[in-house]
PDB file of N, CA and C in Angstrom:
ATOM      1  N   UNK A   1      29.857 -10.945  -7.420  1.00  0.00           N
ATOM      2  CA  UNK A   1      28.857 -11.828  -6.873  1.00  0.00           C
ATOM      3  C   UNK A   1      27.472 -11.243  -7.132  1.00  0.00           C
ATOM      4  N   UNK A   2      26.519 -12.117  -7.295  1.00  0.00           N
ATOM      5  CA  UNK A   2      25.149 -11.683  -7.529  1.00  0.00           C
ATOM      6  C   UNK A   2      24.301 -11.865  -6.276  1.00  0.00           C
ATOM      7  N   UNK A   3      23.341 -10.971  -6.109  1.00  0.00           N
ATOM      8  CA  UNK A   3      22.335 -11.086  -5.066  1.00  0.00           C
ATOM      9  C   UNK A   3      20.988 -10.902  -5.750  1.00  0.00           C
ATOM     10  N   UNK A   4      20.069 -11.834  -5.510  1.00  0.00           N
ATOM     11  CA  UNK A   4      18.773 -11.798  -6.177  1.00  0.00           C
ATOM     12  C   UNK A   4      17.734 -11.144  -5.280  1.00  0.00           C
ATOM     13  N   UNK A   5      16.931 -10.260  -5.879  1.00  0.00           N
ATOM     14  CA  UNK A   5      15.828  -9.618  -5.177  1.00  0.00           C
ATOM     15  C   UNK A   5      14.646 -10.569  -5.177  1.00  0.00           C
ATOM     16  N   UNK A   6      14.087 -10.843  -3.984  1.00  0.00           N
ATOM     17  CA  UNK A   6      12.951 -11.750  -3.888  1.00  0.00           C
ATOM     18  C   UNK A   6      11.646 -11.001  -4.122  1.00  0.00           C
ATOM     19  N   UNK A   7      10.561 -11.740  -4.189  1.00  0.00           N
ATOM     20  CA  UNK A   7       9.243 -11.127  -4.374  1.00  0.00           C
ATOM     21  C   UNK A   7       8.848 -10.267  -3.178  1.00  0.00           C
ATOM     22  N   UNK A   8       9.513 -10.456  -2.044  1.00  0.00           N
ATOM     23  CA  UNK A   8       9.251  -9.656  -0.837  1.00  0.00           C
ATOM     24  C   UNK A   8      10.256  -8.519  -0.681  1.00  0.00           C
ATOM     25  N   UNK A   9      10.936  -8.162  -1.781  1.00  0.00           N
ATOM     26  CA  UNK A   9      11.944  -7.087  -1.778  1.00  0.00           C
ATOM     27  C   UNK A   9      13.075  -7.339  -0.796  1.00  0.00           C
ATOM     28  N   UNK A  10      13.522  -8.561  -0.699  1.00  0.00           N
ATOM     29  CA  UNK A  10      14.635  -8.902   0.166  1.00  0.00           C
ATOM     30  C   UNK A  10      15.817  -9.360  -0.678  1.00  0.00           C
ATOM     31  N   UNK A  11      17.009  -9.033  -0.186  1.00  0.00           N
ATOM     32  CA  UNK A  11      18.242  -9.486  -0.830  1.00  0.00           C
ATOM     33  C   UNK A  11      18.971 -10.430   0.114  1.00  0.00           C
ATOM     34  N   UNK A  12      19.541 -11.472  -0.451  1.00  0.00           N
ATOM     35  CA  UNK A  12      20.415 -12.336   0.328  1.00  0.00           C
ATOM     36  C   UNK A  12      21.839 -11.941  -0.013  1.00  0.00           C
ATOM     37  N   UNK A  13      22.568 -11.522   1.007  1.00  0.00           N
ATOM     38  CA  UNK A  13      23.950 -11.093   0.797  1.00  0.00           C
ATOM     39  C   UNK A  13      24.839 -12.335   0.828  1.00  0.00           C
ATOM     40  N   UNK A  14      25.706 -12.486  -0.163  1.00  0.00           N
ATOM     41  CA  UNK A  14      26.557 -13.678  -0.209  1.00  0.00           C
ATOM     42  C   UNK A  14      27.372 -13.861   1.069  1.00  0.00           C
ATOM     43  N   UNK A  15      27.468 -15.117   1.485  1.00  0.00           N
ATOM     44  CA  UNK A  15      28.192 -15.468   2.710  1.00  0.00           C
ATOM     45  C   UNK A  15      29.633 -14.977   2.685  1.00  0.00           C
ATOM     46  N   UNK A  16      30.251 -15.012   1.519  1.00  0.00           N
ATOM     47  CA  UNK A  16      31.644 -14.566   1.399  1.00  0.00           C
ATOM     48  C   UNK A  16      31.793 -13.093   1.770  1.00  0.00           C
ATOM     49  N   UNK A  17      30.776 -12.305   1.505  1.00  0.00           N
ATOM     50  CA  UNK A  17      30.806 -10.884   1.866  1.00  0.00           C
ATOM     51  C   UNK A  17      30.522 -10.708   3.351  1.00  0.00           C
ATOM     52  N   UNK A  18      29.451 -11.356   3.822  1.00  0.00           N
ATOM     53  CA  UNK A  18      29.059 -11.197   5.224  1.00  0.00           C
ATOM     54  C   UNK A  18      30.105 -11.712   6.200  1.00  0.00           C
ATOM     55  N   UNK A  19      30.907 -12.660   5.781  1.00  0.00           N
ATOM     56  CA  UNK A  19      31.927 -13.202   6.691  1.00  0.00           C
ATOM     57  C   UNK A  19      32.931 -12.137   7.121  1.00  0.00           C
ATOM     58  N   UNK A  20      33.031 -11.054   6.364  1.00  0.00           N
ATOM     59  CA  UNK A  20      33.932  -9.955   6.728  1.00  0.00           C
ATOM     60  C   UNK A  20      33.331  -9.064   7.812  1.00  0.00           C
ATOM     61  N   UNK A  21      32.052  -9.288   8.154  1.00  0.00           N
ATOM     62  CA  UNK A  21      31.345  -8.454   9.135  1.00  0.00           C
ATOM     63  C   UNK A  21      30.662  -9.329  10.179  1.00  0.00           C
ATOM     64  N   UNK A  22      31.418 -10.111  10.927  1.00  0.00           N
ATOM     65  CA  UNK A  22      30.808 -11.020  11.899  1.00  0.00           C
ATOM     66  C   UNK A  22      30.026 -10.257  12.970  1.00  0.00           C
ATOM     67  N   UNK A  23      28.854 -10.776  13.267  1.00  0.00           N
ATOM     68  CA  UNK A  23      28.025 -10.174  14.314  1.00  0.00           C
ATOM     69  C   UNK A  23      27.205  -8.984  13.863  1.00  0.00           C
ATOM     70  N   UNK A  24      27.382  -8.529  12.648  1.00  0.00           N
ATOM     71  CA  UNK A  24      26.626  -7.374  12.157  1.00  0.00           C
ATOM     72  C   UNK A  24      25.220  -7.820  11.775  1.00  0.00           C
ATOM     73  N   UNK A  25      24.223  -7.131  12.346  1.00  0.00           N
ATOM     74  CA  UNK A  25      22.832  -7.460  12.055  1.00  0.00           C
ATOM     75  C   UNK A  25      22.158  -6.396  11.201  1.00  0.00           C
ATOM     76  N   UNK A  26      22.672  -5.179  11.227  1.00  0.00           N
ATOM     77  CA  UNK A  26      22.040  -4.073  10.518  1.00  0.00           C
ATOM     78  C   UNK A  26      23.039  -3.402   9.574  1.00  0.00           C
ATOM     79  N   UNK A  27      22.498  -2.961   8.444  1.00  0.00           N
ATOM     80  CA  UNK A  27      23.296  -2.232   7.464  1.00  0.00           C
ATOM     81  C   UNK A  27      22.551  -0.962   7.090  1.00  0.00           C
ATOM     82  N   UNK A  28      23.255   0.135   7.019  1.00  0.00           N
ATOM     83  CA  UNK A  28      22.690   1.376   6.520  1.00  0.00           C
ATOM     84  C   UNK A  28      22.687   1.273   4.993  1.00  0.00           C
ATOM     85  N   UNK A  29      21.545   1.577   4.370  1.00  0.00           N
ATOM     86  CA  UNK A  29      21.400   1.455   2.927  1.00  0.00           C
ATOM     87  C   UNK A  29      21.241   2.844   2.323  1.00  0.00           C
ATOM     88  N   UNK A  30      22.098   3.175   1.362  1.00  0.00           N
ATOM     89  CA  UNK A  30      22.017   4.473   0.693  1.00  0.00           C
ATOM     90  C   UNK A  30      22.108   4.292  -0.812  1.00  0.00           C
ATOM     91  N   UNK A  31      21.678   5.323  -1.511  1.00  0.00           N
ATOM     92  CA  UNK A  31      21.768   5.362  -2.971  1.00  0.00           C
ATOM     93  C   UNK A  31      22.875   6.348  -3.318  1.00  0.00           C
ATOM     94  N   UNK A  32      23.857   5.897  -4.054  1.00  0.00           N
ATOM     95  CA  UNK A  32      24.982   6.739  -4.436  1.00  0.00           C
ATOM     96  C   UNK A  32      25.090   6.769  -5.956  1.00  0.00           C
ATOM     97  N   UNK A  33      24.394   7.731  -6.560  1.00  0.00           N
ATOM     98  CA  UNK A  33      24.419   7.883  -8.022  1.00  0.00           C
ATOM     99  C   UNK A  33      24.118   6.583  -8.759  1.00  0.00           C
ATOM    100  N   UNK A  34      23.011   5.949  -8.389  1.00  0.00           N
ATOM    101  CA  UNK A  34      22.595   4.731  -9.065  1.00  0.00           C
ATOM    102  C   UNK A  34      23.208   3.453  -8.524  1.00  0.00           C
ATOM    103  N   UNK A  35      23.984   3.558  -7.449  1.00  0.00           N
ATOM    104  CA  UNK A  35      24.571   2.379  -6.808  1.00  0.00           C
ATOM    105  C   UNK A  35      23.975   2.226  -5.424  1.00  0.00           C
ATOM    106  N   UNK A  36      23.598   1.014  -5.062  1.00  0.00           N
ATOM    107  CA  UNK A  36      23.107   0.736  -3.712  1.00  0.00           C
ATOM    108  C   UNK A  36      24.327   0.435  -2.846  1.00  0.00           C
ATOM    109  N   UNK A  37      24.464   1.173  -1.757  1.00  0.00           N
ATOM    110  CA  UNK A  37      25.622   1.013  -0.880  1.00  0.00           C
ATOM    111  C   UNK A  37      25.148   0.537   0.492  1.00  0.00           C
ATOM    112  N   UNK A  38      25.736  -0.549   0.980  1.00  0.00           N
ATOM    113  CA  UNK A  38      25.447  -1.077   2.307  1.00  0.00           C
ATOM    114  C   UNK A  38      26.646  -0.800   3.207  1.00  0.00           C
ATOM    115  N   UNK A  39      26.374  -0.251   4.381  1.00  0.00           N
ATOM    116  CA  UNK A  39      27.447  -0.015   5.355  1.00  0.00           C
ATOM    117  C   UNK A  39      27.037  -0.622   6.687  1.00  0.00           C
ATOM    118  N   UNK A  40      27.880  -1.432   7.304  1.00  0.00           N
ATOM    119  CA  UNK A  40      27.513  -2.042   8.577  1.00  0.00           C
ATOM    120  C   UNK A  40      27.279  -0.980   9.642  1.00  0.00           C
ATOM    121  N   UNK A  41      26.261  -1.214  10.468  1.00  0.00           N
ATOM    122  CA  UNK A  41      25.930  -0.292  11.556  1.00  0.00           C
ATOM    123  C   UNK A  41      26.317  -0.964  12.869  1.00  0.00           C
ATOM    124  N   UNK A  42      27.241  -0.379  13.598  1.00  0.00           N
ATOM    125  CA  UNK A  42      27.684  -0.968  14.867  1.00  0.00           C
ATOM    126  C   UNK A  42      26.731  -0.605  16.008  1.00  0.00           C
ATOM    127  N   UNK A  43      25.651  -1.371  16.168  1.00  0.00           N
ATOM    128  CA  UNK A  43      24.670  -1.053  17.205  1.00  0.00           C
ATOM    129  C   UNK A  43      25.159  -1.348  18.607  1.00  0.00           C
ATOM    130  N   UNK A  44      26.331  -1.919  18.754  1.00  0.00           N
ATOM    131  CA  UNK A  44      26.862  -2.114  20.093  1.00  0.00           C
ATOM    132  C   UNK A  44      27.415  -0.809  20.651  1.00  0.00           C
ATOM    133  N   UNK A  45      27.429   0.240  19.829  1.00  0.00           N
ATOM    134  CA  UNK A  45      27.920   1.537  20.244  1.00  0.00           C
ATOM    135  C   UNK A  45      26.732   2.495  20.389  1.00  0.00           C
ATOM    136  N   UNK A  46      26.285   2.721  21.614  1.00  0.00           N
ATOM    137  CA  UNK A  46      25.109   3.545  21.864  1.00  0.00           C
ATOM    138  C   UNK A  46      25.294   4.973  21.345  1.00  0.00           C
ATOM    139  N   UNK A  47      26.506   5.471  21.351  1.00  0.00           N
ATOM    140  CA  UNK A  47      26.744   6.831  20.853  1.00  0.00           C
ATOM    141  C   UNK A  47      26.412   6.952  19.366  1.00  0.00           C
ATOM    142  N   UNK A  48      26.637   5.888  18.616  1.00  0.00           N
ATOM    143  CA  UNK A  48      26.310   5.889  17.194  1.00  0.00           C
ATOM    144  C   UNK A  48      24.805   6.023  17.002  1.00  0.00           C
ATOM    145  N   UNK A  49      24.042   5.291  17.795  1.00  0.00           N
ATOM    146  CA  UNK A  49      22.583   5.355  17.707  1.00  0.00           C
ATOM    147  C   UNK A  49      22.098   6.743  18.102  1.00  0.00           C
ATOM    148  N   UNK A  50      22.621   7.264  19.188  1.00  0.00           N
ATOM    149  CA  UNK A  50      22.212   8.605  19.634  1.00  0.00           C
ATOM    150  C   UNK A  50      22.534   9.661  18.575  1.00  0.00           C
ATOM    151  N   UNK A  51      23.676   9.536  17.939  1.00  0.00           N
ATOM    152  CA  UNK A  51      24.076  10.472  16.904  1.00  0.00           C
ATOM    153  C   UNK A  51      23.123  10.413  15.713  1.00  0.00           C
ATOM    154  N   UNK A  52      22.752   9.200  15.304  1.00  0.00           N
ATOM    155  CA  UNK A  52      21.826   9.031  14.181  1.00  0.00           C
ATOM    156  C   UNK A  52      20.460   9.633  14.519  1.00  0.00           C
ATOM    157  N   UNK A  53      19.984   9.397  15.737  1.00  0.00           N
ATOM    158  CA  UNK A  53      18.705   9.973  16.160  1.00  0.00           C
ATOM    159  C   UNK A  53      18.773  11.498  16.153  1.00  0.00           C
ATOM    160  N   UNK A  54      19.880  12.044  16.628  1.00  0.00           N
ATOM    161  CA  UNK A  54      20.047  13.504  16.637  1.00  0.00           C
ATOM    162  C   UNK A  54      20.078  14.046  15.211  1.00  0.00           C
ATOM    163  N   UNK A  55      20.764  13.348  14.313  1.00  0.00           N
ATOM    164  CA  UNK A  55      20.810  13.770  12.903  1.00  0.00           C
ATOM    165  C   UNK A  55      19.422  13.811  12.293  1.00  0.00           C
ATOM    166  N   UNK A  56      18.567  12.886  12.723  1.00  0.00           N
ATOM    167  CA  UNK A  56      17.203  12.814  12.209  1.00  0.00           C
ATOM    168  C   UNK A  56      16.249  13.765  12.938  1.00  0.00           C
ATOM    169  N   UNK A  57      16.737  14.398  14.002  1.00  0.00           N
ATOM    170  CA  UNK A  57      15.907  15.326  14.763  1.00  0.00           C
ATOM    171  C   UNK A  57      14.926  14.631  15.685  1.00  0.00           C
ATOM    172  N   UNK A  58      15.192  13.374  16.032  1.00  0.00           N
ATOM    173  CA  UNK A  58      14.305  12.613  16.913  1.00  0.00           C
ATOM    174  C   UNK A  58      14.729  12.847  18.355  1.00  0.00           C
ATOM    175  N   UNK A  59      13.780  13.307  19.171  1.00  0.00           N
ATOM    176  CA  UNK A  59      14.065  13.626  20.573  1.00  0.00           C
ATOM    177  C   UNK A  59      13.612  12.494  21.492  1.00  0.00           C
ATOM    178  N   UNK A  60      14.033  12.579  22.754  1.00  0.00           N
ATOM    179  CA  UNK A  60      13.581  11.611  23.752  1.00  0.00           C
ATOM    180  C   UNK A  60      12.054  11.638  23.864  1.00  0.00           C
ATOM    181  N   UNK A  61      11.479  12.830  23.759  1.00  0.00           N
ATOM    182  CA  UNK A  61      10.016  12.948  23.844  1.00  0.00           C
ATOM    183  C   UNK A  61       9.345  12.282  22.650  1.00  0.00           C
ATOM    184  N   UNK A  62       9.940  12.401  21.456  1.00  0.00           N
ATOM    185  CA  UNK A  62       9.397  11.724  20.273  1.00  0.00           C
ATOM    186  C   UNK A  62       9.345  10.211  20.501  1.00  0.00           C
ATOM    187  N   UNK A  63      10.393   9.671  21.095  1.00  0.00           N
ATOM    188  CA  UNK A  63      10.455   8.233  21.350  1.00  0.00           C
ATOM    189  C   UNK A  63       9.410   7.840  22.389  1.00  0.00           C
ATOM    190  N   UNK A  64       9.318   8.623  23.456  1.00  0.00           N
ATOM    191  CA  UNK A  64       8.313   8.338  24.491  1.00  0.00           C
ATOM    192  C   UNK A  64       6.906   8.390  23.902  1.00  0.00           C
ATOM    193  N   UNK A  65       6.647   9.373  23.060  1.00  0.00           N
ATOM    194  CA  UNK A  65       5.337   9.485  22.414  1.00  0.00           C
ATOM    195  C   UNK A  65       5.057   8.282  21.514  1.00  0.00           C
ATOM    196  N   UNK A  66       6.060   7.839  20.772  1.00  0.00           N
ATOM    197  CA  UNK A  66       5.890   6.695  19.869  1.00  0.00           C
ATOM    198  C   UNK A  66       5.609   5.415  20.657  1.00  0.00           C
ATOM    199  N   UNK A  67       6.325   5.223  21.751  1.00  0.00           N
ATOM    200  CA  UNK A  67       6.104   4.038  22.587  1.00  0.00           C
ATOM    201  C   UNK A  67       4.699   4.076  23.180  1.00  0.00           C
ATOM    202  N   UNK A  68       4.302   5.238  23.675  1.00  0.00           N
ATOM    203  CA  UNK A  68       2.963   5.398  24.240  1.00  0.00           C
ATOM    204  C   UNK A  68       1.894   5.101  23.189  1.00  0.00           C
ATOM    205  N   UNK A  69       2.089   5.636  21.975  1.00  0.00           N
ATOM    206  CA  UNK A  69       1.135   5.389  20.903  1.00  0.00           C
ATOM    207  C   UNK A  69       1.056   3.902  20.560  1.00  0.00           C
ATOM    208  N   UNK A  70       2.213   3.258  20.429  1.00  0.00           N
ATOM    209  CA  UNK A  70       2.248   1.832  20.073  1.00  0.00           C
ATOM    210  C   UNK A  70       1.580   0.989  21.150  1.00  0.00           C
ATOM    211  N   UNK A  71       1.834   1.331  22.393  1.00  0.00           N
ATOM    212  CA  UNK A  71       1.211   0.561  23.490  1.00  0.00           C
ATOM    213  C   UNK A  71      -0.306   0.757  23.502  1.00  0.00           C
ATOM    214  N   UNK A  72      -0.768   1.945  23.211  1.00  0.00           N
ATOM    215  CA  UNK A  72      -2.213   2.189  23.191  1.00  0.00           C
ATOM    216  C   UNK A  72      -2.871   1.436  22.038  1.00  0.00           C
ATOM    217  N   UNK A  73      -2.183   1.306  20.905  1.00  0.00           N
ATOM    218  CA  UNK A  73      -2.728   0.565  19.755  1.00  0.00           C
ATOM    219  C   UNK A  73      -2.780  -0.940  20.047  1.00  0.00           C
ATOM    220  N   UNK A  74      -1.765  -1.466  20.736  1.00  0.00           N
ATOM    221  CA  UNK A  74      -1.724  -2.908  20.985  1.00  0.00           C
ATOM    222  C   UNK A  74      -2.785  -3.326  21.988  1.00  0.00           C
ATOM    223  N   UNK A  75      -3.209  -2.435  22.869  1.00  0.00           N
ATOM    224  CA  UNK A  75      -4.254  -2.757  23.836  1.00  0.00           C
ATOM    225  C   UNK A  75      -5.628  -2.839  23.185  1.00  0.00           C
ATOM    226  N   UNK A  76      -5.791  -2.137  22.074  1.00  0.00           N
ATOM    227  CA  UNK A  76      -7.098  -2.085  21.413  1.00  0.00           C
ATOM    228  C   UNK A  76      -7.346  -3.281  20.513  1.00  0.00           C
ATOM    229  N   UNK A  77      -6.305  -4.079  20.241  1.00  0.00           N
ATOM    230  CA  UNK A  77      -6.498  -5.221  19.344  1.00  0.00           C
ATOM    231  C   UNK A  77      -6.680  -6.504  20.096  1.00  0.00           C
TER     232      UNK A  77
END
């Protein structure tokens, strides 16, 4: 099956493929020796999210700081 890249760098995944992953909204995208690989991310599992954040070295304080920064920027506009 083909998927076309749009001018906004978006891909439409064929319905026949997505039907195997009902309810999936997010996919992890990786490069594997010249191949683009999509893997469904089960965000209904909080432990998966926490594990990914830990792998990236993102702490609770980093998140609090980011939220604080974003809120301060939105008040100025």
